[in-house]
N, C-alpha and C. Protein backbone atom coordinates (compact mmCIF):
# COMPACT_ATOMS: atom_id res chain seq x y z
N MET A 1 6.82 -15.79 20.03
CA MET A 1 7.47 -17.01 19.60
C MET A 1 7.74 -17.87 20.82
N SER A 2 7.76 -19.15 20.65
CA SER A 2 7.96 -20.08 21.76
C SER A 2 9.42 -20.15 22.15
N ALA A 3 9.67 -20.85 23.24
CA ALA A 3 11.04 -21.11 23.66
C ALA A 3 11.76 -21.94 22.60
N ASN A 4 11.00 -22.65 21.79
CA ASN A 4 11.54 -23.47 20.72
C ASN A 4 11.46 -22.69 19.40
N ASP A 5 12.08 -21.53 19.37
CA ASP A 5 12.03 -20.62 18.23
C ASP A 5 12.71 -21.23 17.00
N PRO A 6 11.95 -21.53 15.93
CA PRO A 6 12.55 -22.17 14.77
C PRO A 6 13.51 -21.27 13.99
N PHE A 7 13.55 -19.99 14.30
CA PHE A 7 14.43 -19.06 13.57
C PHE A 7 15.68 -18.69 14.36
N ALA A 8 15.80 -19.16 15.59
CA ALA A 8 16.88 -18.76 16.48
C ALA A 8 18.27 -19.04 15.90
N ARG A 9 18.41 -20.13 15.17
CA ARG A 9 19.73 -20.49 14.64
C ARG A 9 19.90 -20.17 13.16
N LEU A 10 18.93 -19.46 12.59
CA LEU A 10 19.02 -19.10 11.17
C LEU A 10 19.56 -17.69 11.01
N PRO A 11 20.13 -17.39 9.86
CA PRO A 11 20.60 -16.02 9.62
C PRO A 11 19.45 -15.01 9.75
N GLU A 12 19.77 -13.83 10.23
CA GLU A 12 18.79 -12.75 10.35
C GLU A 12 18.22 -12.44 8.96
N ALA A 13 16.97 -12.03 8.92
CA ALA A 13 16.32 -11.64 7.67
C ALA A 13 15.39 -10.48 7.97
N ALA A 14 15.22 -9.61 6.98
CA ALA A 14 14.29 -8.50 7.14
C ALA A 14 12.89 -9.04 7.39
N SER A 15 12.09 -8.27 8.10
CA SER A 15 10.70 -8.72 8.29
C SER A 15 9.79 -7.92 7.38
N PHE A 16 8.68 -8.54 7.01
CA PHE A 16 7.63 -7.85 6.28
C PHE A 16 6.32 -8.37 6.83
N THR A 17 5.21 -8.00 6.24
CA THR A 17 3.90 -8.24 6.84
C THR A 17 3.14 -9.37 6.15
N VAL A 18 2.57 -10.26 6.97
CA VAL A 18 1.63 -11.26 6.48
C VAL A 18 0.37 -11.15 7.34
N THR A 19 -0.77 -11.19 6.66
CA THR A 19 -2.06 -11.16 7.35
C THR A 19 -2.92 -12.29 6.80
N SER A 20 -4.06 -12.50 7.45
CA SER A 20 -4.94 -13.58 7.04
C SER A 20 -6.37 -13.22 7.38
N SER A 21 -7.29 -13.56 6.49
CA SER A 21 -8.71 -13.42 6.81
C SER A 21 -9.19 -14.66 7.56
N THR A 22 -8.34 -15.69 7.65
CA THR A 22 -8.67 -16.93 8.33
C THR A 22 -8.42 -16.83 9.83
N VAL A 23 -7.28 -16.26 10.21
CA VAL A 23 -6.86 -16.23 11.61
C VAL A 23 -6.01 -14.99 11.86
N SER A 24 -6.06 -14.48 13.07
CA SER A 24 -5.24 -13.33 13.46
C SER A 24 -3.97 -13.80 14.16
N ASP A 25 -2.93 -13.01 14.05
CA ASP A 25 -1.68 -13.31 14.71
C ASP A 25 -1.92 -13.50 16.21
N GLY A 26 -1.43 -14.60 16.76
CA GLY A 26 -1.58 -14.90 18.18
C GLY A 26 -2.87 -15.58 18.56
N ALA A 27 -3.79 -15.72 17.63
CA ALA A 27 -5.11 -16.32 17.90
C ALA A 27 -5.08 -17.82 17.63
N PRO A 28 -6.07 -18.54 18.15
CA PRO A 28 -6.16 -19.97 17.85
C PRO A 28 -6.69 -20.22 16.44
N TRP A 29 -6.27 -21.37 15.89
CA TRP A 29 -6.79 -21.79 14.59
C TRP A 29 -8.31 -22.00 14.69
N PRO A 30 -9.06 -21.61 13.66
CA PRO A 30 -10.48 -21.97 13.60
C PRO A 30 -10.61 -23.49 13.36
N PRO A 31 -11.79 -24.06 13.63
CA PRO A 31 -11.98 -25.51 13.47
C PRO A 31 -11.63 -26.04 12.08
N GLU A 32 -11.87 -25.27 11.03
CA GLU A 32 -11.59 -25.74 9.65
C GLU A 32 -10.11 -26.01 9.42
N GLN A 33 -9.22 -25.37 10.19
CA GLN A 33 -7.79 -25.56 10.01
C GLN A 33 -7.25 -26.73 10.84
N PHE A 34 -8.13 -27.42 11.55
CA PHE A 34 -7.73 -28.65 12.23
C PHE A 34 -7.79 -29.80 11.25
N SER A 35 -7.23 -30.94 11.64
CA SER A 35 -7.11 -32.05 10.72
C SER A 35 -8.21 -33.10 10.83
N GLY A 36 -9.09 -33.10 9.85
CA GLY A 36 -10.06 -34.18 9.72
C GLY A 36 -9.36 -35.47 9.32
N ILE A 37 -8.29 -35.36 8.56
CA ILE A 37 -7.52 -36.53 8.14
C ILE A 37 -6.99 -37.28 9.36
N PHE A 38 -6.59 -36.53 10.39
CA PHE A 38 -6.11 -37.14 11.63
C PHE A 38 -7.22 -37.30 12.66
N GLY A 39 -8.48 -37.13 12.22
CA GLY A 39 -9.61 -37.47 13.06
C GLY A 39 -10.11 -36.40 14.02
N VAL A 40 -9.71 -35.15 13.84
CA VAL A 40 -10.21 -34.09 14.71
C VAL A 40 -11.63 -33.73 14.26
N PRO A 41 -12.63 -33.86 15.16
CA PRO A 41 -14.01 -33.54 14.78
C PRO A 41 -14.12 -32.10 14.25
N GLY A 42 -14.74 -31.95 13.09
CA GLY A 42 -14.92 -30.63 12.48
C GLY A 42 -13.72 -30.15 11.68
N GLY A 43 -12.60 -30.86 11.77
CA GLY A 43 -11.40 -30.46 11.03
C GLY A 43 -11.57 -30.69 9.54
N LYS A 44 -11.10 -29.74 8.75
CA LYS A 44 -11.23 -29.85 7.30
C LYS A 44 -9.90 -29.78 6.56
N ASP A 45 -8.78 -29.66 7.31
CA ASP A 45 -7.47 -29.56 6.67
C ASP A 45 -7.45 -28.46 5.61
N LEU A 46 -8.03 -27.33 5.95
CA LEU A 46 -8.15 -26.21 5.03
C LEU A 46 -6.99 -25.24 5.27
N SER A 47 -6.14 -25.06 4.28
CA SER A 47 -5.01 -24.14 4.45
C SER A 47 -5.53 -22.71 4.66
N PRO A 48 -4.81 -21.92 5.44
CA PRO A 48 -5.26 -20.57 5.73
C PRO A 48 -5.07 -19.62 4.55
N HIS A 49 -5.92 -18.61 4.49
CA HIS A 49 -5.70 -17.50 3.58
C HIS A 49 -4.45 -16.77 4.09
N LEU A 50 -3.56 -16.38 3.20
CA LEU A 50 -2.39 -15.59 3.55
C LEU A 50 -2.22 -14.48 2.52
N SER A 51 -1.96 -13.28 3.01
CA SER A 51 -1.71 -12.12 2.16
C SER A 51 -0.50 -11.39 2.71
N TRP A 52 0.43 -11.01 1.86
CA TRP A 52 1.64 -10.37 2.35
C TRP A 52 1.97 -9.10 1.57
N SER A 53 2.72 -8.23 2.26
CA SER A 53 3.11 -6.95 1.67
C SER A 53 4.41 -6.48 2.31
N GLY A 54 5.08 -5.57 1.61
CA GLY A 54 6.30 -4.98 2.15
C GLY A 54 7.53 -5.86 2.06
N ALA A 55 7.52 -6.83 1.15
CA ALA A 55 8.69 -7.71 1.00
C ALA A 55 9.91 -6.90 0.60
N PRO A 56 11.08 -7.36 0.99
CA PRO A 56 12.31 -6.63 0.63
C PRO A 56 12.50 -6.51 -0.88
N GLU A 57 13.13 -5.44 -1.27
CA GLU A 57 13.51 -5.22 -2.67
C GLU A 57 14.34 -6.40 -3.15
N GLY A 58 14.11 -6.82 -4.37
CA GLY A 58 14.88 -7.91 -4.95
C GLY A 58 14.26 -9.28 -4.79
N ALA A 59 13.08 -9.37 -4.16
CA ALA A 59 12.42 -10.67 -4.02
C ALA A 59 12.03 -11.17 -5.41
N LYS A 60 12.46 -12.39 -5.74
CA LYS A 60 12.17 -12.98 -7.04
C LYS A 60 11.18 -14.13 -6.95
N SER A 61 10.93 -14.61 -5.74
CA SER A 61 9.93 -15.65 -5.51
C SER A 61 9.66 -15.71 -4.01
N TYR A 62 8.65 -16.52 -3.67
CA TYR A 62 8.30 -16.74 -2.27
C TYR A 62 8.15 -18.23 -2.02
N ALA A 63 8.33 -18.60 -0.78
CA ALA A 63 7.96 -19.93 -0.30
C ALA A 63 7.10 -19.72 0.93
N VAL A 64 6.19 -20.63 1.17
CA VAL A 64 5.34 -20.58 2.36
C VAL A 64 5.54 -21.87 3.13
N THR A 65 5.73 -21.74 4.43
CA THR A 65 5.80 -22.92 5.29
C THR A 65 4.89 -22.72 6.49
N VAL A 66 4.30 -23.81 6.95
CA VAL A 66 3.52 -23.82 8.19
C VAL A 66 4.13 -24.93 9.03
N TYR A 67 4.70 -24.54 10.18
CA TYR A 67 5.47 -25.45 11.01
C TYR A 67 5.13 -25.24 12.48
N ASP A 68 5.01 -26.33 13.21
CA ASP A 68 4.78 -26.29 14.65
C ASP A 68 5.99 -26.89 15.36
N PRO A 69 6.90 -26.04 15.87
CA PRO A 69 8.09 -26.57 16.54
C PRO A 69 7.77 -27.25 17.86
N ASP A 70 6.59 -26.99 18.42
CA ASP A 70 6.23 -27.52 19.73
C ASP A 70 5.32 -28.75 19.66
N ALA A 71 5.07 -29.28 18.47
CA ALA A 71 4.25 -30.49 18.36
C ALA A 71 4.91 -31.60 19.17
N PRO A 72 4.11 -32.44 19.83
CA PRO A 72 4.69 -33.45 20.71
C PRO A 72 5.27 -34.65 19.96
N THR A 73 6.26 -34.37 19.13
CA THR A 73 6.90 -35.42 18.32
C THR A 73 8.39 -35.55 18.61
N GLY A 74 8.98 -34.56 19.24
CA GLY A 74 10.43 -34.54 19.41
C GLY A 74 11.12 -33.79 18.28
N SER A 75 10.39 -33.56 17.19
CA SER A 75 10.99 -32.86 16.05
C SER A 75 10.05 -31.82 15.44
N GLY A 76 8.95 -31.51 16.13
CA GLY A 76 7.99 -30.57 15.57
C GLY A 76 7.16 -31.25 14.49
N PHE A 77 6.40 -30.43 13.74
CA PHE A 77 5.57 -30.98 12.67
C PHE A 77 5.41 -29.95 11.56
N TRP A 78 5.78 -30.35 10.34
CA TRP A 78 5.58 -29.53 9.15
C TRP A 78 4.18 -29.80 8.63
N HIS A 79 3.32 -28.77 8.63
CA HIS A 79 1.95 -28.89 8.15
C HIS A 79 1.83 -28.62 6.65
N TRP A 80 2.70 -27.72 6.13
CA TRP A 80 2.56 -27.31 4.73
C TRP A 80 3.84 -26.65 4.27
N ALA A 81 4.20 -26.88 3.04
CA ALA A 81 5.33 -26.19 2.41
C ALA A 81 5.02 -26.01 0.93
N VAL A 82 5.18 -24.76 0.48
CA VAL A 82 4.94 -24.41 -0.92
C VAL A 82 6.17 -23.68 -1.43
N ALA A 83 6.69 -24.08 -2.57
CA ALA A 83 7.87 -23.47 -3.16
C ALA A 83 7.54 -22.81 -4.50
N ASP A 84 8.42 -21.92 -4.91
CA ASP A 84 8.39 -21.28 -6.23
C ASP A 84 7.12 -20.47 -6.51
N ILE A 85 6.66 -19.74 -5.51
CA ILE A 85 5.55 -18.81 -5.72
C ILE A 85 6.12 -17.58 -6.43
N PRO A 86 5.61 -17.22 -7.60
CA PRO A 86 6.16 -16.09 -8.35
C PRO A 86 6.12 -14.78 -7.56
N ALA A 87 7.09 -13.93 -7.81
CA ALA A 87 7.23 -12.66 -7.08
C ALA A 87 6.01 -11.75 -7.23
N ALA A 88 5.28 -11.86 -8.33
CA ALA A 88 4.11 -11.01 -8.55
C ALA A 88 2.92 -11.43 -7.68
N VAL A 89 2.98 -12.61 -7.09
CA VAL A 89 1.89 -13.13 -6.27
C VAL A 89 2.10 -12.69 -4.82
N THR A 90 1.05 -12.14 -4.21
CA THR A 90 1.16 -11.69 -2.82
C THR A 90 0.00 -12.20 -1.96
N GLU A 91 -0.64 -13.28 -2.41
CA GLU A 91 -1.77 -13.81 -1.66
C GLU A 91 -2.06 -15.24 -2.08
N LEU A 92 -2.41 -16.06 -1.10
CA LEU A 92 -2.91 -17.40 -1.37
C LEU A 92 -4.29 -17.49 -0.73
N PRO A 93 -5.29 -17.98 -1.47
CA PRO A 93 -6.64 -18.07 -0.91
C PRO A 93 -6.74 -19.21 0.11
N GLU A 94 -7.71 -19.10 1.00
CA GLU A 94 -7.99 -20.20 1.92
C GLU A 94 -8.31 -21.44 1.08
N GLY A 95 -7.74 -22.57 1.47
CA GLY A 95 -7.97 -23.81 0.74
C GLY A 95 -7.01 -24.06 -0.41
N ALA A 96 -6.05 -23.16 -0.63
CA ALA A 96 -5.10 -23.34 -1.74
C ALA A 96 -4.30 -24.63 -1.59
N GLY A 97 -4.15 -25.11 -0.36
CA GLY A 97 -3.36 -26.29 -0.10
C GLY A 97 -4.13 -27.59 -0.12
N ASP A 98 -5.12 -27.71 -0.99
CA ASP A 98 -5.87 -28.97 -1.09
C ASP A 98 -5.03 -30.03 -1.80
N ASP A 99 -5.60 -31.20 -2.03
CA ASP A 99 -4.86 -32.31 -2.64
C ASP A 99 -4.25 -31.97 -3.99
N THR A 100 -4.86 -31.06 -4.73
CA THR A 100 -4.37 -30.73 -6.07
C THR A 100 -3.62 -29.41 -6.13
N GLY A 101 -3.61 -28.64 -5.03
CA GLY A 101 -2.98 -27.33 -5.06
C GLY A 101 -3.73 -26.38 -5.98
N SER A 102 -5.05 -26.56 -6.08
CA SER A 102 -5.87 -25.82 -7.04
C SER A 102 -5.81 -24.30 -6.85
N GLY A 103 -5.50 -23.84 -5.66
CA GLY A 103 -5.45 -22.40 -5.42
C GLY A 103 -4.06 -21.81 -5.52
N LEU A 104 -3.09 -22.63 -5.95
CA LEU A 104 -1.72 -22.14 -6.07
C LEU A 104 -1.49 -21.51 -7.44
N PRO A 105 -0.62 -20.51 -7.51
CA PRO A 105 -0.33 -19.91 -8.81
C PRO A 105 0.51 -20.85 -9.68
N GLU A 106 0.45 -20.63 -10.98
CA GLU A 106 1.23 -21.42 -11.92
C GLU A 106 2.70 -21.39 -11.53
N GLY A 107 3.33 -22.55 -11.54
CA GLY A 107 4.76 -22.67 -11.21
C GLY A 107 5.02 -23.05 -9.77
N ALA A 108 4.09 -22.74 -8.87
CA ALA A 108 4.26 -23.08 -7.46
C ALA A 108 3.88 -24.54 -7.24
N PHE A 109 4.50 -25.17 -6.24
CA PHE A 109 4.17 -26.56 -5.94
C PHE A 109 4.29 -26.83 -4.44
N GLN A 110 3.52 -27.83 -4.00
CA GLN A 110 3.51 -28.25 -2.60
C GLN A 110 4.48 -29.41 -2.41
N LEU A 111 5.21 -29.39 -1.30
CA LEU A 111 6.08 -30.49 -0.94
C LEU A 111 5.36 -31.37 0.07
N PRO A 112 5.76 -32.64 0.19
CA PRO A 112 5.14 -33.51 1.19
C PRO A 112 5.41 -32.97 2.60
N ASN A 113 4.38 -32.96 3.42
CA ASN A 113 4.51 -32.53 4.81
C ASN A 113 4.92 -33.74 5.67
N ASP A 114 4.85 -33.59 6.99
CA ASP A 114 5.26 -34.69 7.86
C ASP A 114 4.29 -35.87 7.84
N ALA A 115 3.13 -35.71 7.25
CA ALA A 115 2.22 -36.84 7.04
C ALA A 115 2.48 -37.48 5.68
N ARG A 116 3.51 -36.96 4.96
CA ARG A 116 3.92 -37.42 3.63
C ARG A 116 2.87 -37.15 2.57
N ALA A 117 2.09 -36.10 2.77
CA ALA A 117 1.09 -35.69 1.80
C ALA A 117 1.46 -34.31 1.26
N ALA A 118 1.45 -34.15 -0.04
CA ALA A 118 1.77 -32.85 -0.65
C ALA A 118 0.50 -32.00 -0.64
N ARG A 119 0.18 -31.51 0.55
CA ARG A 119 -1.02 -30.71 0.78
C ARG A 119 -0.91 -30.12 2.19
N PHE A 120 -1.85 -29.28 2.57
CA PHE A 120 -1.93 -28.77 3.94
C PHE A 120 -2.58 -29.82 4.83
N ILE A 121 -1.96 -30.09 5.97
CA ILE A 121 -2.54 -30.95 7.01
C ILE A 121 -2.75 -30.05 8.23
N GLY A 122 -3.96 -30.03 8.71
CA GLY A 122 -4.29 -29.16 9.84
C GLY A 122 -3.74 -29.64 11.17
N ALA A 123 -3.97 -28.83 12.17
CA ALA A 123 -3.51 -29.12 13.53
C ALA A 123 -4.26 -30.31 14.10
N ALA A 124 -3.56 -31.10 14.91
CA ALA A 124 -4.18 -32.27 15.55
C ALA A 124 -3.48 -32.59 16.87
N PRO A 125 -3.38 -31.60 17.77
CA PRO A 125 -2.73 -31.92 19.04
C PRO A 125 -3.52 -32.99 19.79
N PRO A 126 -2.83 -33.89 20.50
CA PRO A 126 -3.54 -34.94 21.22
C PRO A 126 -4.46 -34.36 22.29
N PRO A 127 -5.56 -35.03 22.59
CA PRO A 127 -6.46 -34.54 23.64
C PRO A 127 -5.71 -34.29 24.94
N GLY A 128 -5.99 -33.16 25.56
CA GLY A 128 -5.35 -32.80 26.81
C GLY A 128 -3.99 -32.17 26.66
N HIS A 129 -3.44 -32.17 25.42
CA HIS A 129 -2.14 -31.54 25.21
C HIS A 129 -2.29 -30.04 25.42
N ARG A 130 -1.31 -29.46 26.06
CA ARG A 130 -1.35 -28.00 26.29
C ARG A 130 -1.48 -27.29 24.95
N PRO A 131 -2.06 -26.11 24.92
CA PRO A 131 -2.15 -25.39 23.65
C PRO A 131 -0.77 -25.21 23.02
N ALA A 132 -0.66 -25.56 21.77
CA ALA A 132 0.60 -25.35 21.06
C ALA A 132 0.75 -23.86 20.79
N PRO A 133 1.77 -23.23 21.37
CA PRO A 133 1.85 -21.78 21.32
C PRO A 133 2.46 -21.19 20.07
N ALA A 134 3.00 -21.99 19.17
CA ALA A 134 3.80 -21.33 18.14
C ALA A 134 3.77 -21.98 16.78
N THR A 135 2.59 -22.31 16.27
CA THR A 135 2.55 -22.76 14.89
C THR A 135 2.79 -21.53 14.03
N SER A 136 3.83 -21.57 13.24
CA SER A 136 4.22 -20.41 12.44
C SER A 136 3.87 -20.61 10.98
N SER A 137 3.07 -19.70 10.46
CA SER A 137 2.83 -19.62 9.02
C SER A 137 3.79 -18.55 8.52
N VAL A 138 4.72 -18.92 7.66
CA VAL A 138 5.79 -18.03 7.27
C VAL A 138 5.81 -17.87 5.76
N VAL A 139 5.91 -16.62 5.32
CA VAL A 139 6.18 -16.33 3.91
C VAL A 139 7.65 -15.92 3.85
N HIS A 140 8.41 -16.62 3.04
CA HIS A 140 9.84 -16.36 2.88
C HIS A 140 10.04 -15.66 1.54
N ALA A 141 10.62 -14.47 1.55
CA ALA A 141 10.97 -13.76 0.32
C ALA A 141 12.37 -14.21 -0.10
N LEU A 142 12.49 -14.70 -1.33
CA LEU A 142 13.74 -15.29 -1.80
C LEU A 142 14.36 -14.50 -2.94
N ASP A 143 15.67 -14.62 -3.08
CA ASP A 143 16.40 -13.89 -4.12
C ASP A 143 16.57 -14.68 -5.41
N VAL A 144 15.84 -15.79 -5.55
CA VAL A 144 15.88 -16.61 -6.76
C VAL A 144 14.46 -16.88 -7.24
N GLU A 145 14.29 -17.06 -8.56
CA GLU A 145 12.97 -17.34 -9.11
C GLU A 145 12.51 -18.75 -8.78
N SER A 146 13.46 -19.68 -8.71
CA SER A 146 13.14 -21.06 -8.36
C SER A 146 14.17 -21.53 -7.34
N ILE A 147 13.70 -22.12 -6.25
CA ILE A 147 14.61 -22.56 -5.20
C ILE A 147 15.34 -23.84 -5.58
N GLY A 148 14.84 -24.57 -6.57
CA GLY A 148 15.58 -25.71 -7.10
C GLY A 148 15.51 -26.98 -6.28
N VAL A 149 14.44 -27.16 -5.52
CA VAL A 149 14.27 -28.43 -4.80
C VAL A 149 13.28 -29.29 -5.58
N PRO A 150 13.44 -30.61 -5.54
CA PRO A 150 12.47 -31.46 -6.22
C PRO A 150 11.14 -31.48 -5.48
N ALA A 151 10.08 -31.80 -6.20
CA ALA A 151 8.73 -31.79 -5.63
C ALA A 151 8.55 -32.81 -4.52
N ASP A 152 9.42 -33.81 -4.44
CA ASP A 152 9.30 -34.79 -3.37
C ASP A 152 10.25 -34.53 -2.20
N ALA A 153 10.90 -33.37 -2.21
CA ALA A 153 11.79 -33.00 -1.10
C ALA A 153 10.96 -32.75 0.16
N THR A 154 11.60 -32.85 1.30
CA THR A 154 10.91 -32.55 2.56
C THR A 154 10.94 -31.05 2.82
N PRO A 155 10.06 -30.55 3.69
CA PRO A 155 10.13 -29.15 4.07
C PRO A 155 11.47 -28.78 4.71
N ALA A 156 12.09 -29.72 5.41
CA ALA A 156 13.40 -29.44 6.01
C ALA A 156 14.45 -29.20 4.92
N VAL A 157 14.38 -29.97 3.83
CA VAL A 157 15.31 -29.75 2.71
C VAL A 157 15.03 -28.40 2.08
N LEU A 158 13.76 -28.04 1.93
CA LEU A 158 13.42 -26.71 1.42
C LEU A 158 14.04 -25.65 2.32
N GLY A 159 13.85 -25.77 3.64
CA GLY A 159 14.41 -24.80 4.57
C GLY A 159 15.92 -24.69 4.47
N PHE A 160 16.59 -25.83 4.38
CA PHE A 160 18.05 -25.84 4.25
C PHE A 160 18.48 -25.15 2.97
N THR A 161 17.81 -25.46 1.87
CA THR A 161 18.15 -24.88 0.57
C THR A 161 17.88 -23.38 0.54
N MET A 162 16.83 -22.94 1.24
CA MET A 162 16.48 -21.51 1.25
C MET A 162 17.45 -20.67 2.07
N THR A 163 18.16 -21.26 3.01
CA THR A 163 18.94 -20.51 4.00
C THR A 163 19.76 -19.38 3.38
N GLY A 164 20.47 -19.63 2.33
CA GLY A 164 21.30 -18.60 1.71
C GLY A 164 20.56 -17.68 0.76
N HIS A 165 19.25 -17.85 0.62
CA HIS A 165 18.47 -17.08 -0.34
C HIS A 165 17.36 -16.24 0.27
N VAL A 166 17.20 -16.29 1.58
CA VAL A 166 16.11 -15.58 2.24
C VAL A 166 16.45 -14.10 2.40
N LEU A 167 15.63 -13.25 1.77
CA LEU A 167 15.77 -11.80 1.93
C LEU A 167 14.94 -11.31 3.11
N GLY A 168 13.81 -11.98 3.35
CA GLY A 168 12.93 -11.56 4.43
C GLY A 168 11.96 -12.64 4.80
N ARG A 169 11.37 -12.50 6.02
CA ARG A 169 10.37 -13.43 6.51
C ARG A 169 9.19 -12.65 7.07
N ALA A 170 8.00 -13.10 6.74
CA ALA A 170 6.77 -12.57 7.32
C ALA A 170 6.15 -13.72 8.11
N VAL A 171 5.91 -13.51 9.40
CA VAL A 171 5.51 -14.61 10.28
C VAL A 171 4.16 -14.31 10.92
N LEU A 172 3.27 -15.28 10.85
CA LEU A 172 1.96 -15.23 11.52
C LEU A 172 1.95 -16.42 12.48
N THR A 173 1.78 -16.17 13.77
CA THR A 173 1.84 -17.21 14.78
C THR A 173 0.44 -17.51 15.30
N THR A 174 0.10 -18.79 15.37
CA THR A 174 -1.21 -19.21 15.85
C THR A 174 -1.06 -20.24 16.94
N THR A 175 -2.15 -20.53 17.63
CA THR A 175 -2.17 -21.57 18.66
C THR A 175 -3.17 -22.64 18.26
N ALA A 176 -3.05 -23.80 18.90
CA ALA A 176 -4.00 -24.88 18.62
C ALA A 176 -4.19 -25.73 19.87
N GLU A 177 -5.41 -26.03 20.16
CA GLU A 177 -5.76 -26.97 21.22
C GLU A 177 -6.93 -27.77 20.71
N THR A 178 -6.80 -29.09 20.74
CA THR A 178 -7.84 -29.94 20.21
C THR A 178 -9.19 -29.58 20.84
N PRO A 179 -10.19 -29.34 20.00
CA PRO A 179 -11.51 -29.02 20.54
C PRO A 179 -12.03 -30.18 21.40
N ALA A 180 -12.77 -29.83 22.45
CA ALA A 180 -13.30 -30.86 23.36
C ALA A 180 -14.40 -31.64 22.70
């Protein structure tokens, strides 16, 4: 985790496991996960495959967030937020975060990211920017079936609302450096 640890001021939560066929923990994002929308050559804004296991007992739903606390904005960058994933679901396919959320399970929905699009937006660090060391893809196990945020809420509002409901977190950390 970076010096700008997004969980440092949050209540402790049990950990569980998240894996991906798209990217390995600690590895750089593949080109498809970069942002074509923001003009990165080869970027496809393709959300990563995520699979999780070992969630704490009592999990009634999940939320997924992809956040880069080290983005050169002064406030980080929310790439993706998904709420109300049913407890029986333990995997999202690569590309689930497209414009329509076609790969999301029934009942789950995407919130607008920092580009104000309710979809996954890939990495787009400026040319020459140091590799971003800590983009976190997080699966949050929650103690409620629905977190109760509106579909137009920000990921920060989702995070605030989840604070008292998080049973556990599964974190996959990736890096990004704009391809030359």
